[in-house]
Amino acid sequence: YSDKVIAVFDAESPINQADKDSIQFLTELEGDKYLGGILNNVDLK
């Protein structure tokens, strides 16, 4: 139902295999549907 998909990632969480699988799924979406990601909880320091 969406024109674009934006993923939100938590900067405080390590990337595990399930995350890698999800990222692969998103990057393989048809056309340019996957717009990119947002990194949340970033420590500005």
PDB file of all heavy atoms in Angstrom:
ATOM      1  N   TYR A   1       0.810  -1.217   0.000  1.00  0.00           N
ATOM      2  CA  TYR A   1       0.000   0.000   0.000  1.00  0.00           C
ATOM      3  C   TYR A   1       0.847   1.272   0.000  1.00  0.00           C
ATOM      4  O   TYR A   1       0.311   2.366   0.068  1.00  0.00           O
ATOM      5  CB  TYR A   1      -0.927   0.009   1.221  1.00  0.00           C
ATOM      6  CG  TYR A   1      -1.808  -1.205   1.300  1.00  0.00           C
ATOM      7  CD1 TYR A   1      -1.549  -2.227   2.199  1.00  0.00           C
ATOM      8  CD2 TYR A   1      -2.900  -1.347   0.441  1.00  0.00           C
ATOM      9  CE1 TYR A   1      -2.363  -3.354   2.257  1.00  0.00           C
ATOM     10  CE2 TYR A   1      -3.707  -2.478   0.495  1.00  0.00           C
ATOM     11  CZ  TYR A   1      -3.435  -3.466   1.404  1.00  0.00           C
ATOM     12  OH  TYR A   1      -4.235  -4.586   1.456  1.00  0.00           O
ATOM     13  N   SER A   2       2.152   1.119  -0.071  1.00  0.00           N
ATOM     14  CA  SER A   2       3.060   2.256   0.076  1.00  0.00           C
ATOM     15  C   SER A   2       3.775   2.566  -1.230  1.00  0.00           C
ATOM     16  O   SER A   2       4.083   1.669  -2.010  1.00  0.00           O
ATOM     17  CB  SER A   2       4.113   1.945   1.145  1.00  0.00           C
ATOM     18  OG  SER A   2       3.494   1.605   2.357  1.00  0.00           O
ATOM     19  N   ASP A   3       4.062   3.853  -1.411  1.00  0.00           N
ATOM     20  CA  ASP A   3       4.886   4.256  -2.548  1.00  0.00           C
ATOM     21  C   ASP A   3       6.359   4.048  -2.236  1.00  0.00           C
ATOM     22  O   ASP A   3       7.139   3.671  -3.105  1.00  0.00           O
ATOM     23  CB  ASP A   3       4.658   5.731  -2.880  1.00  0.00           C
ATOM     24  CG  ASP A   3       3.255   6.009  -3.387  1.00  0.00           C
ATOM     25  OD1 ASP A   3       2.666   5.120  -4.034  1.00  0.00           O
ATOM     26  OD2 ASP A   3       2.739   7.108  -3.133  1.00  0.00           O
ATOM     27  N   LYS A   4       6.748   4.325  -1.002  1.00  0.00           N
ATOM     28  CA  LYS A   4       8.147   4.225  -0.567  1.00  0.00           C
ATOM     29  C   LYS A   4       8.213   3.576   0.802  1.00  0.00           C
ATOM     30  O   LYS A   4       7.264   3.634   1.576  1.00  0.00           O
ATOM     31  CB  LYS A   4       8.795   5.614  -0.475  1.00  0.00           C
ATOM     32  CG  LYS A   4       8.807   6.400  -1.759  1.00  0.00           C
ATOM     33  CD  LYS A   4       9.803   5.826  -2.722  1.00  0.00           C
ATOM     34  CE  LYS A   4       9.819   6.657  -4.007  1.00  0.00           C
ATOM     35  NZ  LYS A   4      10.690   6.090  -5.010  1.00  0.00           N
ATOM     36  N   VAL A   5       9.370   2.992   1.112  1.00  0.00           N
ATOM     37  CA  VAL A   5       9.618   2.378   2.410  1.00  0.00           C
ATOM     38  C   VAL A   5      10.887   2.985   2.983  1.00  0.00           C
ATOM     39  O   VAL A   5      11.904   3.074   2.289  1.00  0.00           O
ATOM     40  CB  VAL A   5       9.779   0.843   2.288  1.00  0.00           C
ATOM     41  CG1 VAL A   5      10.157   0.229   3.625  1.00  0.00           C
ATOM     42  CG2 VAL A   5       8.518   0.217   1.734  1.00  0.00           C
ATOM     43  N   ILE A   6      10.801   3.413   4.245  1.00  0.00           N
ATOM     44  CA  ILE A   6      11.958   3.933   4.968  1.00  0.00           C
ATOM     45  C   ILE A   6      12.135   3.073   6.214  1.00  0.00           C
ATOM     46  O   ILE A   6      11.208   2.926   7.001  1.00  0.00           O
ATOM     47  CB  ILE A   6      11.761   5.407   5.390  1.00  0.00           C
ATOM     48  CG1 ILE A   6      11.521   6.284   4.159  1.00  0.00           C
ATOM     49  CG2 ILE A   6      12.963   5.901   6.198  1.00  0.00           C
ATOM     50  CD1 ILE A   6      11.116   7.711   4.490  1.00  0.00           C
ATOM     51  N   ALA A   7      13.323   2.510   6.380  1.00  0.00           N
ATOM     52  CA  ALA A   7      13.601   1.681   7.554  1.00  0.00           C
ATOM     53  C   ALA A   7      14.188   2.557   8.660  1.00  0.00           C
ATOM     54  O   ALA A   7      14.872   3.540   8.387  1.00  0.00           O
ATOM     55  CB  ALA A   7      14.593   0.579   7.194  1.00  0.00           C
ATOM     56  N   VAL A   8      13.903   2.196   9.908  1.00  0.00           N
ATOM     57  CA  VAL A   8      14.482   2.895  11.054  1.00  0.00           C
ATOM     58  C   VAL A   8      15.324   1.890  11.820  1.00  0.00           C
ATOM     59  O   VAL A   8      14.840   0.821  12.202  1.00  0.00           O
ATOM     60  CB  VAL A   8      13.384   3.491  11.969  1.00  0.00           C
ATOM     61  CG1 VAL A   8      14.008   4.182  13.172  1.00  0.00           C
ATOM     62  CG2 VAL A   8      12.512   4.462  11.186  1.00  0.00           C
ATOM     63  N   PHE A   9      16.596   2.234  12.028  1.00  0.00           N
ATOM     64  CA  PHE A   9      17.531   1.371  12.731  1.00  0.00           C
ATOM     65  C   PHE A   9      17.947   2.030  14.032  1.00  0.00           C
ATOM     66  O   PHE A   9      18.115   3.244  14.097  1.00  0.00           O
ATOM     67  CB  PHE A   9      18.781   1.113  11.871  1.00  0.00           C
ATOM     68  CG  PHE A   9      18.473   0.462  10.558  1.00  0.00           C
ATOM     69  CD1 PHE A   9      18.325   1.226   9.404  1.00  0.00           C
ATOM     70  CD2 PHE A   9      18.337  -0.910  10.460  1.00  0.00           C
ATOM     71  CE1 PHE A   9      18.049   0.630   8.190  1.00  0.00           C
ATOM     72  CE2 PHE A   9      18.058  -1.519   9.245  1.00  0.00           C
ATOM     73  CZ  PHE A   9      17.914  -0.747   8.105  1.00  0.00           C
ATOM     74  N   ASP A  10      18.140   1.230  15.059  1.00  0.00           N
ATOM     75  CA  ASP A  10      18.570   1.715  16.368  1.00  0.00           C
ATOM     76  C   ASP A  10      20.091   1.656  16.433  1.00  0.00           C
ATOM     77  O   ASP A  10      20.683   0.573  16.333  1.00  0.00           O
ATOM     78  CB  ASP A  10      17.956   0.845  17.471  1.00  0.00           C
ATOM     79  CG  ASP A  10      18.240   1.358  18.870  1.00  0.00           C
ATOM     80  OD1 ASP A  10      19.122   2.229  19.041  1.00  0.00           O
ATOM     81  OD2 ASP A  10      17.579   0.880  19.800  1.00  0.00           O
ATOM     82  N   ALA A  11      20.740   2.809  16.614  1.00  0.00           N
ATOM     83  CA  ALA A  11      22.198   2.877  16.665  1.00  0.00           C
ATOM     84  C   ALA A  11      22.768   2.112  17.848  1.00  0.00           C
ATOM     85  O   ALA A  11      23.950   1.745  17.844  1.00  0.00           O
ATOM     86  CB  ALA A  11      22.655   4.338  16.718  1.00  0.00           C
ATOM     87  N   GLU A  12      21.954   1.851  18.856  1.00  0.00           N
ATOM     88  CA  GLU A  12      22.441   1.161  20.053  1.00  0.00           C
ATOM     89  C   GLU A  12      22.299  -0.358  19.952  1.00  0.00           C
ATOM     90  O   GLU A  12      22.694  -1.082  20.867  1.00  0.00           O
ATOM     91  CB  GLU A  12      21.691   1.679  21.286  1.00  0.00           C
ATOM     92  CG  GLU A  12      21.952   3.146  21.546  1.00  0.00           C
ATOM     93  CD  GLU A  12      21.153   3.705  22.705  1.00  0.00           C
ATOM     94  OE1 GLU A  12      20.293   2.986  23.261  1.00  0.00           O
ATOM     95  OE2 GLU A  12      21.382   4.875  23.043  1.00  0.00           O
ATOM     96  N   SER A  13      21.740  -0.858  18.853  1.00  0.00           N
ATOM     97  CA  SER A  13      21.548  -2.301  18.683  1.00  0.00           C
ATOM     98  C   SER A  13      22.526  -2.854  17.651  1.00  0.00           C
ATOM     99  O   SER A  13      22.681  -2.271  16.575  1.00  0.00           O
ATOM    100  CB  SER A  13      20.123  -2.590  18.210  1.00  0.00           C
ATOM    101  OG  SER A  13      19.197  -2.197  19.181  1.00  0.00           O
ATOM    102  N   PRO A  14      23.150  -3.966  17.964  1.00  0.00           N
ATOM    103  CA  PRO A  14      24.039  -4.584  16.966  1.00  0.00           C
ATOM    104  C   PRO A  14      23.218  -5.145  15.813  1.00  0.00           C
ATOM    105  O   PRO A  14      22.046  -5.481  15.966  1.00  0.00           O
ATOM    106  CB  PRO A  14      24.721  -5.712  17.743  1.00  0.00           C
ATOM    107  CG  PRO A  14      23.803  -6.008  18.877  1.00  0.00           C
ATOM    108  CD  PRO A  14      23.083  -4.728  19.200  1.00  0.00           C
ATOM    109  N   ILE A  15      23.844  -5.249  14.653  1.00  0.00           N
ATOM    110  CA  ILE A  15      23.176  -5.817  13.485  1.00  0.00           C
ATOM    111  C   ILE A  15      23.365  -7.329  13.536  1.00  0.00           C
ATOM    112  O   ILE A  15      24.492  -7.825  13.538  1.00  0.00           O
ATOM    113  CB  ILE A  15      23.744  -5.232  12.177  1.00  0.00           C
ATOM    114  CG1 ILE A  15      23.442  -3.739  12.114  1.00  0.00           C
ATOM    115  CG2 ILE A  15      23.171  -5.962  10.970  1.00  0.00           C
ATOM    116  CD1 ILE A  15      24.033  -3.040  10.921  1.00  0.00           C
ATOM    117  N   ASN A  16      22.244  -8.055  13.590  1.00  0.00           N
ATOM    118  CA  ASN A  16      22.313  -9.515  13.634  1.00  0.00           C
ATOM    119  C   ASN A  16      21.876 -10.092  12.285  1.00  0.00           C
ATOM    120  O   ASN A  16      21.568  -9.344  11.354  1.00  0.00           O
ATOM    121  CB  ASN A  16      21.474 -10.065  14.802  1.00  0.00           C
ATOM    122  CG  ASN A  16      20.018  -9.657  14.699  1.00  0.00           C
ATOM    123  OD1 ASN A  16      19.453  -9.568  13.611  1.00  0.00           O
ATOM    124  ND2 ASN A  16      19.383  -9.407  15.829  1.00  0.00           N
ATOM    125  N   GLN A  17      21.808 -11.397  12.187  1.00  0.00           N
ATOM    126  CA  GLN A  17      21.457 -12.029  10.916  1.00  0.00           C
ATOM    127  C   GLN A  17      20.043 -11.668  10.466  1.00  0.00           C
ATOM    128  O   GLN A  17      19.800 -11.444   9.282  1.00  0.00           O
ATOM    129  CB  GLN A  17      21.611 -13.555  11.000  1.00  0.00           C
ATOM    130  CG  GLN A  17      21.423 -14.243   9.660  1.00  0.00           C
ATOM    131  CD  GLN A  17      22.399 -13.753   8.599  1.00  0.00           C
ATOM    132  OE1 GLN A  17      23.592 -13.636   8.857  1.00  0.00           O
ATOM    133  NE2 GLN A  17      21.899 -13.438   7.411  1.00  0.00           N
ATOM    134  N   ALA A  18      19.089 -11.588  11.400  1.00  0.00           N
ATOM    135  CA  ALA A  18      17.721 -11.204  11.033  1.00  0.00           C
ATOM    136  C   ALA A  18      17.707  -9.795  10.441  1.00  0.00           C
ATOM    137  O   ALA A  18      16.976  -9.529   9.480  1.00  0.00           O
ATOM    138  CB  ALA A  18      16.793 -11.287  12.244  1.00  0.00           C
ATOM    139  N   ASP A  19      18.515  -8.889  11.001  1.00  0.00           N
ATOM    140  CA  ASP A  19      18.619  -7.533  10.453  1.00  0.00           C
ATOM    141  C   ASP A  19      19.189  -7.572   9.043  1.00  0.00           C
ATOM    142  O   ASP A  19      18.704  -6.871   8.147  1.00  0.00           O
ATOM    143  CB  ASP A  19      19.510  -6.661  11.337  1.00  0.00           C
ATOM    144  CG  ASP A  19      18.949  -6.446  12.728  1.00  0.00           C
ATOM    145  OD1 ASP A  19      17.718  -6.303  12.859  1.00  0.00           O
ATOM    146  OD2 ASP A  19      19.744  -6.423  13.681  1.00  0.00           O
ATOM    147  N   LYS A  20      20.221  -8.355   8.836  1.00  0.00           N
ATOM    148  CA  LYS A  20      20.828  -8.471   7.507  1.00  0.00           C
ATOM    149  C   LYS A  20      19.821  -9.010   6.495  1.00  0.00           C
ATOM    150  O   LYS A  20      19.755  -8.529   5.362  1.00  0.00           O
ATOM    151  CB  LYS A  20      22.068  -9.363   7.566  1.00  0.00           C
ATOM    152  CG  LYS A  20      23.225  -8.733   8.322  1.00  0.00           C
ATOM    153  CD  LYS A  20      24.396  -9.687   8.422  1.00  0.00           C
ATOM    154  CE  LYS A  20      25.495  -9.079   9.285  1.00  0.00           C
ATOM    155  NZ  LYS A  20      26.634 -10.005   9.441  1.00  0.00           N
ATOM    156  N   ASP A  21      19.034 -10.001   6.926  1.00  0.00           N
ATOM    157  CA  ASP A  21      18.007 -10.558   6.041  1.00  0.00           C
ATOM    158  C   ASP A  21      16.949  -9.505   5.700  1.00  0.00           C
ATOM    159  O   ASP A  21      16.500  -9.400   4.555  1.00  0.00           O
ATOM    160  CB  ASP A  21      17.331 -11.772   6.684  1.00  0.00           C
ATOM    161  CG  ASP A  21      18.276 -12.955   6.851  1.00  0.00           C
ATOM    162  OD1 ASP A  21      19.335 -12.981   6.186  1.00  0.00           O
ATOM    163  OD2 ASP A  21      17.952 -13.845   7.663  1.00  0.00           O
ATOM    164  N   SER A  22      16.554  -8.708   6.687  1.00  0.00           N
ATOM    165  CA  SER A  22      15.562  -7.650   6.457  1.00  0.00           C
ATOM    166  C   SER A  22      16.107  -6.578   5.529  1.00  0.00           C
ATOM    167  O   SER A  22      15.410  -6.097   4.632  1.00  0.00           O
ATOM    168  CB  SER A  22      15.141  -7.024   7.790  1.00  0.00           C
ATOM    169  OG  SER A  22      14.433  -7.954   8.564  1.00  0.00           O
ATOM    170  N   ILE A  23      17.368  -6.208   5.736  1.00  0.00           N
ATOM    171  CA  ILE A  23      17.993  -5.203   4.863  1.00  0.00           C
ATOM    172  C   ILE A  23      18.056  -5.723   3.429  1.00  0.00           C
ATOM    173  O   ILE A  23      17.765  -4.991   2.476  1.00  0.00           O
ATOM    174  CB  ILE A  23      19.392  -4.819   5.390  1.00  0.00           C
ATOM    175  CG1 ILE A  23      19.249  -4.054   6.715  1.00  0.00           C
ATOM    176  CG2 ILE A  23      20.153  -3.994   4.361  1.00  0.00           C
ATOM    177  CD1 ILE A  23      20.555  -3.887   7.481  1.00  0.00           C
ATOM    178  N   GLN A  24      18.410  -6.989   3.270  1.00  0.00           N
ATOM    179  CA  GLN A  24      18.442  -7.572   1.926  1.00  0.00           C
ATOM    180  C   GLN A  24      17.048  -7.550   1.299  1.00  0.00           C
ATOM    181  O   GLN A  24      16.881  -7.197   0.136  1.00  0.00           O
ATOM    182  CB  GLN A  24      18.983  -9.000   1.964  1.00  0.00           C
ATOM    183  CG  GLN A  24      19.033  -9.636   0.588  1.00  0.00           C
ATOM    184  CD  GLN A  24      19.636 -11.026   0.610  1.00  0.00           C
ATOM    185  OE1 GLN A  24      20.161 -11.487   1.610  1.00  0.00           O
ATOM    186  NE2 GLN A  24      19.542 -11.707  -0.526  1.00  0.00           N
ATOM    187  N   PHE A  25      16.028  -7.929   2.088  1.00  0.00           N
ATOM    188  CA  PHE A  25      14.648  -7.893   1.595  1.00  0.00           C
ATOM    189  C   PHE A  25      14.288  -6.484   1.115  1.00  0.00           C
ATOM    190  O   PHE A  25      13.726  -6.313   0.028  1.00  0.00           O
ATOM    191  CB  PHE A  25      13.682  -8.343   2.701  1.00  0.00           C
ATOM    192  CG  PHE A  25      12.243  -8.072   2.393  1.00  0.00           C
ATOM    193  CD1 PHE A  25      11.532  -8.895   1.540  1.00  0.00           C
ATOM    194  CD2 PHE A  25      11.591  -6.982   2.959  1.00  0.00           C
ATOM    195  CE1 PHE A  25      10.191  -8.645   1.245  1.00  0.00           C
ATOM    196  CE2 PHE A  25      10.259  -6.721   2.673  1.00  0.00           C
ATOM    197  CZ  PHE A  25       9.568  -7.560   1.813  1.00  0.00           C
ATOM    198  N   LEU A  26      14.624  -5.473   1.905  1.00  0.00           N
ATOM    199  CA  LEU A  26      14.286  -4.092   1.548  1.00  0.00           C
ATOM    200  C   LEU A  26      15.011  -3.631   0.288  1.00  0.00           C
ATOM    201  O   LEU A  26      14.418  -2.987  -0.579  1.00  0.00           O
ATOM    202  CB  LEU A  26      14.603  -3.160   2.714  1.00  0.00           C
ATOM    203  CG  LEU A  26      13.719  -3.320   3.947  1.00  0.00           C
ATOM    204  CD1 LEU A  26      14.288  -2.532   5.122  1.00  0.00           C
ATOM    205  CD2 LEU A  26      12.296  -2.907   3.664  1.00  0.00           C
ATOM    206  N   THR A  27      16.297  -3.962   0.183  1.00  0.00           N
ATOM    207  CA  THR A  27      17.060  -3.513  -0.985  1.00  0.00           C
ATOM    208  C   THR A  27      16.633  -4.225  -2.266  1.00  0.00           C
ATOM    209  O   THR A  27      16.886  -3.727  -3.362  1.00  0.00           O
ATOM    210  CB  THR A  27      18.573  -3.692  -0.763  1.00  0.00           C
ATOM    211  OG1 THR A  27      18.847  -5.066  -0.477  1.00  0.00           O
ATOM    212  CG2 THR A  27      19.061  -2.815   0.378  1.00  0.00           C
ATOM    213  N   GLU A  28      15.957  -5.367  -2.120  1.00  0.00           N
ATOM    214  CA  GLU A  28      15.489  -6.102  -3.286  1.00  0.00           C
ATOM    215  C   GLU A  28      14.045  -5.779  -3.661  1.00  0.00           C
ATOM    216  O   GLU A  28      13.484  -6.391  -4.573  1.00  0.00           O
ATOM    217  CB  GLU A  28      15.636  -7.615  -3.045  1.00  0.00           C
ATOM    218  CG  GLU A  28      17.092  -8.056  -2.981  1.00  0.00           C
ATOM    219  CD  GLU A  28      17.270  -9.522  -2.609  1.00  0.00           C
ATOM    220  OE1 GLU A  28      16.254 -10.192  -2.287  1.00  0.00           O
ATOM    221  OE2 GLU A  28      18.418  -9.990  -2.647  1.00  0.00           O
ATOM    222  N   LEU A  29      13.444  -4.791  -2.969  1.00  0.00           N
ATOM    223  CA  LEU A  29      12.076  -4.403  -3.323  1.00  0.00           C
ATOM    224  C   LEU A  29      12.037  -3.899  -4.750  1.00  0.00           C
ATOM    225  O   LEU A  29      12.992  -3.290  -5.242  1.00  0.00           O
ATOM    226  CB  LEU A  29      11.563  -3.310  -2.372  1.00  0.00           C
ATOM    227  CG  LEU A  29      11.207  -3.751  -0.962  1.00  0.00           C
ATOM    228  CD1 LEU A  29      10.850  -2.542  -0.097  1.00  0.00           C
ATOM    229  CD2 LEU A  29      10.058  -4.750  -0.969  1.00  0.00           C
ATOM    230  N   GLU A  30      10.912  -4.117  -5.386  1.00  0.00           N
ATOM    231  CA  GLU A  30      10.719  -3.747  -6.778  1.00  0.00           C
ATOM    232  C   GLU A  30      10.946  -2.255  -7.007  1.00  0.00           C
ATOM    233  O   GLU A  30      10.495  -1.407  -6.231  1.00  0.00           O
ATOM    234  CB  GLU A  30       9.300  -4.128  -7.180  1.00  0.00           C
ATOM    235  CG  GLU A  30       9.036  -4.057  -8.654  1.00  0.00           C
ATOM    236  CD  GLU A  30       7.657  -4.595  -8.968  1.00  0.00           C
ATOM    237  OE1 GLU A  30       7.387  -5.760  -8.631  1.00  0.00           O
ATOM    238  OE2 GLU A  30       6.862  -3.823  -9.531  1.00  0.00           O
ATOM    239  N   GLY A  31      11.647  -1.939  -8.093  1.00  0.00           N
ATOM    240  CA  GLY A  31      11.869  -0.544  -8.470  1.00  0.00           C
ATOM    241  C   GLY A  31      12.661   0.205  -7.426  1.00  0.00           C
ATOM    242  O   GLY A  31      13.597  -0.321  -6.836  1.00  0.00           O
ATOM    243  N   ASP A  32      12.261   1.433  -7.201  1.00  0.00           N
ATOM    244  CA  ASP A  32      12.960   2.266  -6.217  1.00  0.00           C
ATOM    245  C   ASP A  32      12.090   2.462  -4.974  1.00  0.00           C
ATOM    246  O   ASP A  32      12.084   3.528  -4.367  1.00  0.00           O
ATOM    247  CB  ASP A  32      13.358   3.600  -6.829  1.00  0.00           C
ATOM    248  CG  ASP A  32      12.151   4.391  -7.340  1.00  0.00           C
ATOM    249  OD1 ASP A  32      11.039   3.824  -7.398  1.00  0.00           O
ATOM    250  OD2 ASP A  32      12.321   5.566  -7.684  1.00  0.00           O
ATOM    251  N   LYS A  33      11.371   1.426  -4.580  1.00  0.00           N
ATOM    252  CA  LYS A  33      10.438   1.512  -3.460  1.00  0.00           C
ATOM    253  C   LYS A  33      11.158   1.753  -2.128  1.00  0.00           C
ATOM    254  O   LYS A  33      10.664   2.453  -1.265  1.00  0.00           O
ATOM    255  CB  LYS A  33       9.581   0.259  -3.372  1.00  0.00           C
ATOM    256  CG  LYS A  33       8.410   0.417  -2.431  1.00  0.00           C
ATOM    257  CD  LYS A  33       7.406  -0.697  -2.630  1.00  0.00           C
ATOM    258  CE  LYS A  33       6.059  -0.044  -2.711  1.00  0.00           C
ATOM    259  NZ  LYS A  33       4.960  -0.880  -3.006  1.00  0.00           N
ATOM    260  N   TYR A  34      12.354   1.153  -1.950  1.00  0.00           N
ATOM    261  CA  TYR A  34      13.109   1.343  -0.715  1.00  0.00           C
ATOM    262  C   TYR A  34      13.856   2.669  -0.813  1.00  0.00           C
ATOM    263  O   TYR A  34      14.749   2.842  -1.623  1.00  0.00           O
ATOM    264  CB  TYR A  34      14.080   0.185  -0.486  1.00  0.00           C
ATOM    265  CG  TYR A  34      14.900   0.343   0.767  1.00  0.00           C
ATOM    266  CD1 TYR A  34      14.295   0.479   2.002  1.00  0.00           C
ATOM    267  CD2 TYR A  34      16.282   0.331   0.708  1.00  0.00           C
ATOM    268  CE1 TYR A  34      15.041   0.622   3.160  1.00  0.00           C
ATOM    269  CE2 TYR A  34      17.040   0.461   1.863  1.00  0.00           C
ATOM    270  CZ  TYR A  34      16.420   0.610   3.080  1.00  0.00           C
ATOM    271  OH  TYR A  34      17.168   0.751   4.216  1.00  0.00           O
ATOM    272  N   LEU A  35      13.449   3.618   0.025  1.00  0.00           N
ATOM    273  CA  LEU A  35      14.013   4.961  -0.031  1.00  0.00           C
ATOM    274  C   LEU A  35      15.304   5.084   0.769  1.00  0.00           C
ATOM    275  O   LEU A  35      16.163   5.891   0.452  1.00  0.00           O
ATOM    276  CB  LEU A  35      12.973   5.965   0.491  1.00  0.00           C
ATOM    277  CG  LEU A  35      13.234   7.429   0.254  1.00  0.00           C
ATOM    278  CD1 LEU A  35      13.380   7.735  -1.231  1.00  0.00           C
ATOM    279  CD2 LEU A  35      12.097   8.260   0.827  1.00  0.00           C
ATOM    280  N   GLY A  36      15.462   4.293   1.808  1.00  0.00           N
ATOM    281  CA  GLY A  36      16.663   4.353   2.634  1.00  0.00           C
ATOM    282  C   GLY A  36      16.320   4.138   4.087  1.00  0.00           C
ATOM    283  O   GLY A  36      15.265   3.619   4.420  1.00  0.00           O
ATOM    284  N   GLY A  37      17.247   4.560   4.943  1.00  0.00           N
ATOM    285  CA  GLY A  37      17.051   4.312   6.364  1.00  0.00           C
ATOM    286  C   GLY A  37      17.311   5.529   7.223  1.00  0.00           C
ATOM    287  O   GLY A  37      17.927   6.500   6.787  1.00  0.00           O
ATOM    288  N   ILE A  38      16.852   5.447   8.447  1.00  0.00           N
ATOM    289  CA  ILE A  38      17.078   6.461   9.473  1.00  0.00           C
ATOM    290  C   ILE A  38      17.784   5.763  10.620  1.00  0.00           C
ATOM    291  O   ILE A  38      17.368   4.691  11.054  1.00  0.00           O
ATOM    292  CB  ILE A  38      15.744   7.063   9.960  1.00  0.00           C
ATOM    293  CG1 ILE A  38      15.057   7.807   8.825  1.00  0.00           C
ATOM    294  CG2 ILE A  38      15.971   7.970  11.170  1.00  0.00           C
ATOM    295  CD1 ILE A  38      13.647   8.263   9.150  1.00  0.00           C
ATOM    296  N   LEU A  39      18.848   6.361  11.128  1.00  0.00           N
ATOM    297  CA  LEU A  39      19.563   5.825  12.274  1.00  0.00           C
ATOM    298  C   LEU A  39      19.100   6.591  13.496  1.00  0.00           C
ATOM    299  O   LEU A  39      19.340   7.787  13.638  1.00  0.00           O
ATOM    300  CB  LEU A  39      21.070   5.946  12.075  1.00  0.00           C
ATOM    301  CG  LEU A  39      21.958   5.226  13.076  1.00  0.00           C
ATOM    302  CD1 LEU A  39      21.640   3.737  13.113  1.00  0.00           C
ATOM    303  CD2 LEU A  39      23.426   5.432  12.719  1.00  0.00           C
ATOM    304  N   ASN A  40      18.411   5.885  14.390  1.00  0.00           N
ATOM    305  CA  ASN A  40      17.805   6.467  15.588  1.00  0.00           C
ATOM    306  C   ASN A  40      18.720   6.242  16.794  1.00  0.00           C
ATOM    307  O   ASN A  40      19.545   5.341  16.793  1.00  0.00           O
ATOM    308  CB  ASN A  40      16.449   5.788  15.803  1.00  0.00           C
ATOM    309  CG  ASN A  40      15.552   6.547  16.722  1.00  0.00           C
ATOM    310  OD1 ASN A  40      15.829   7.668  17.118  1.00  0.00           O
ATOM    311  ND2 ASN A  40      14.450   5.925  17.082  1.00  0.00           N
ATOM    312  N   ASN A  41      18.558   7.055  17.830  1.00  0.00           N
ATOM    313  CA  ASN A  41      19.329   6.933  19.074  1.00  0.00           C
ATOM    314  C   ASN A  41      20.825   7.116  18.871  1.00  0.00           C
ATOM    315  O   ASN A  41      21.634   6.451  19.515  1.00  0.00           O
ATOM    316  CB  ASN A  41      19.058   5.596  19.771  1.00  0.00           C
ATOM    317  CG  ASN A  41      17.658   5.510  20.297  1.00  0.00           C
ATOM    318  OD1 ASN A  41      17.133   6.503  20.799  1.00  0.00           O
ATOM    319  ND2 ASN A  41      17.029   4.364  20.183  1.00  0.00           N
ATOM    320  N   VAL A  42      21.199   8.023  17.981  1.00  0.00           N
ATOM    321  CA  VAL A  42      22.614   8.306  17.740  1.00  0.00           C
ATOM    322  C   VAL A  42      23.114   9.231  18.846  1.00  0.00           C
ATOM    323  O   VAL A  42      22.488  10.246  19.151  1.00  0.00           O
ATOM    324  CB  VAL A  42      22.809   8.971  16.359  1.00  0.00           C
ATOM    325  CG1 VAL A  42      24.240   9.409  16.167  1.00  0.00           C
ATOM    326  CG2 VAL A  42      22.361   8.034  15.264  1.00  0.00           C
ATOM    327  N   ASP A  43      24.248   8.884  19.435  1.00  0.00           N
ATOM    328  CA  ASP A  43      24.886   9.744  20.442  1.00  0.00           C
ATOM    329  C   ASP A  43      25.665  10.820  19.682  1.00  0.00           C
ATOM    330  O   ASP A  43      26.628  10.511  18.955  1.00  0.00           O
ATOM    331  CB  ASP A  43      25.821   8.915  21.320  1.00  0.00           C
ATOM    332  CG  ASP A  43      26.388   9.710  22.483  1.00  0.00           C
ATOM    333  OD1 ASP A  43      26.299  10.972  22.470  1.00  0.00           O
ATOM    334  OD2 ASP A  43      26.928   9.076  23.406  1.00  0.00           O
ATOM    335  N   LEU A  44      25.240  12.063  19.821  1.00  0.00           N
ATOM    336  CA  LEU A  44      25.844  13.159  19.054  1.00  0.00           C
ATOM    337  C   LEU A  44      27.342  13.311  19.321  1.00  0.00           C
ATOM    338  O   LEU A  44      28.069  13.834  18.479  1.00  0.00           O
ATOM    339  CB  LEU A  44      25.100  14.467  19.348  1.00  0.00           C
ATOM    340  CG  LEU A  44      23.632  14.470  18.927  1.00  0.00           C
ATOM    341  CD1 LEU A  44      22.983  15.821  19.279  1.00  0.00           C
ATOM    342  CD2 LEU A  44      23.475  14.182  17.447  1.00  0.00           C
ATOM    343  N   LYS A  45      27.839  12.829  20.466  1.00  0.00           N
ATOM    344  CA  LYS A  45      29.276  12.891  20.765  1.00  0.00           C
ATOM    345  C   LYS A  45      30.083  12.056  19.757  1.00  0.00           C
ATOM    346  O   LYS A  45      31.239  12.348  19.510  1.00  0.00           O
ATOM    347  CB  LYS A  45      29.558  12.364  22.173  1.00  0.00           C
ATOM    348  CG  LYS A  45      28.943  13.175  23.298  1.00  0.00           C
ATOM    349  CD  LYS A  45      29.369  12.635  24.636  1.00  0.00           C
ATOM    350  CE  LYS A  45      28.751  11.267  24.828  1.00  0.00           C
ATOM    351  NZ  LYS A  45      28.794  10.763  26.200  1.00  0.00           N
TER     352      LYS A  45
END
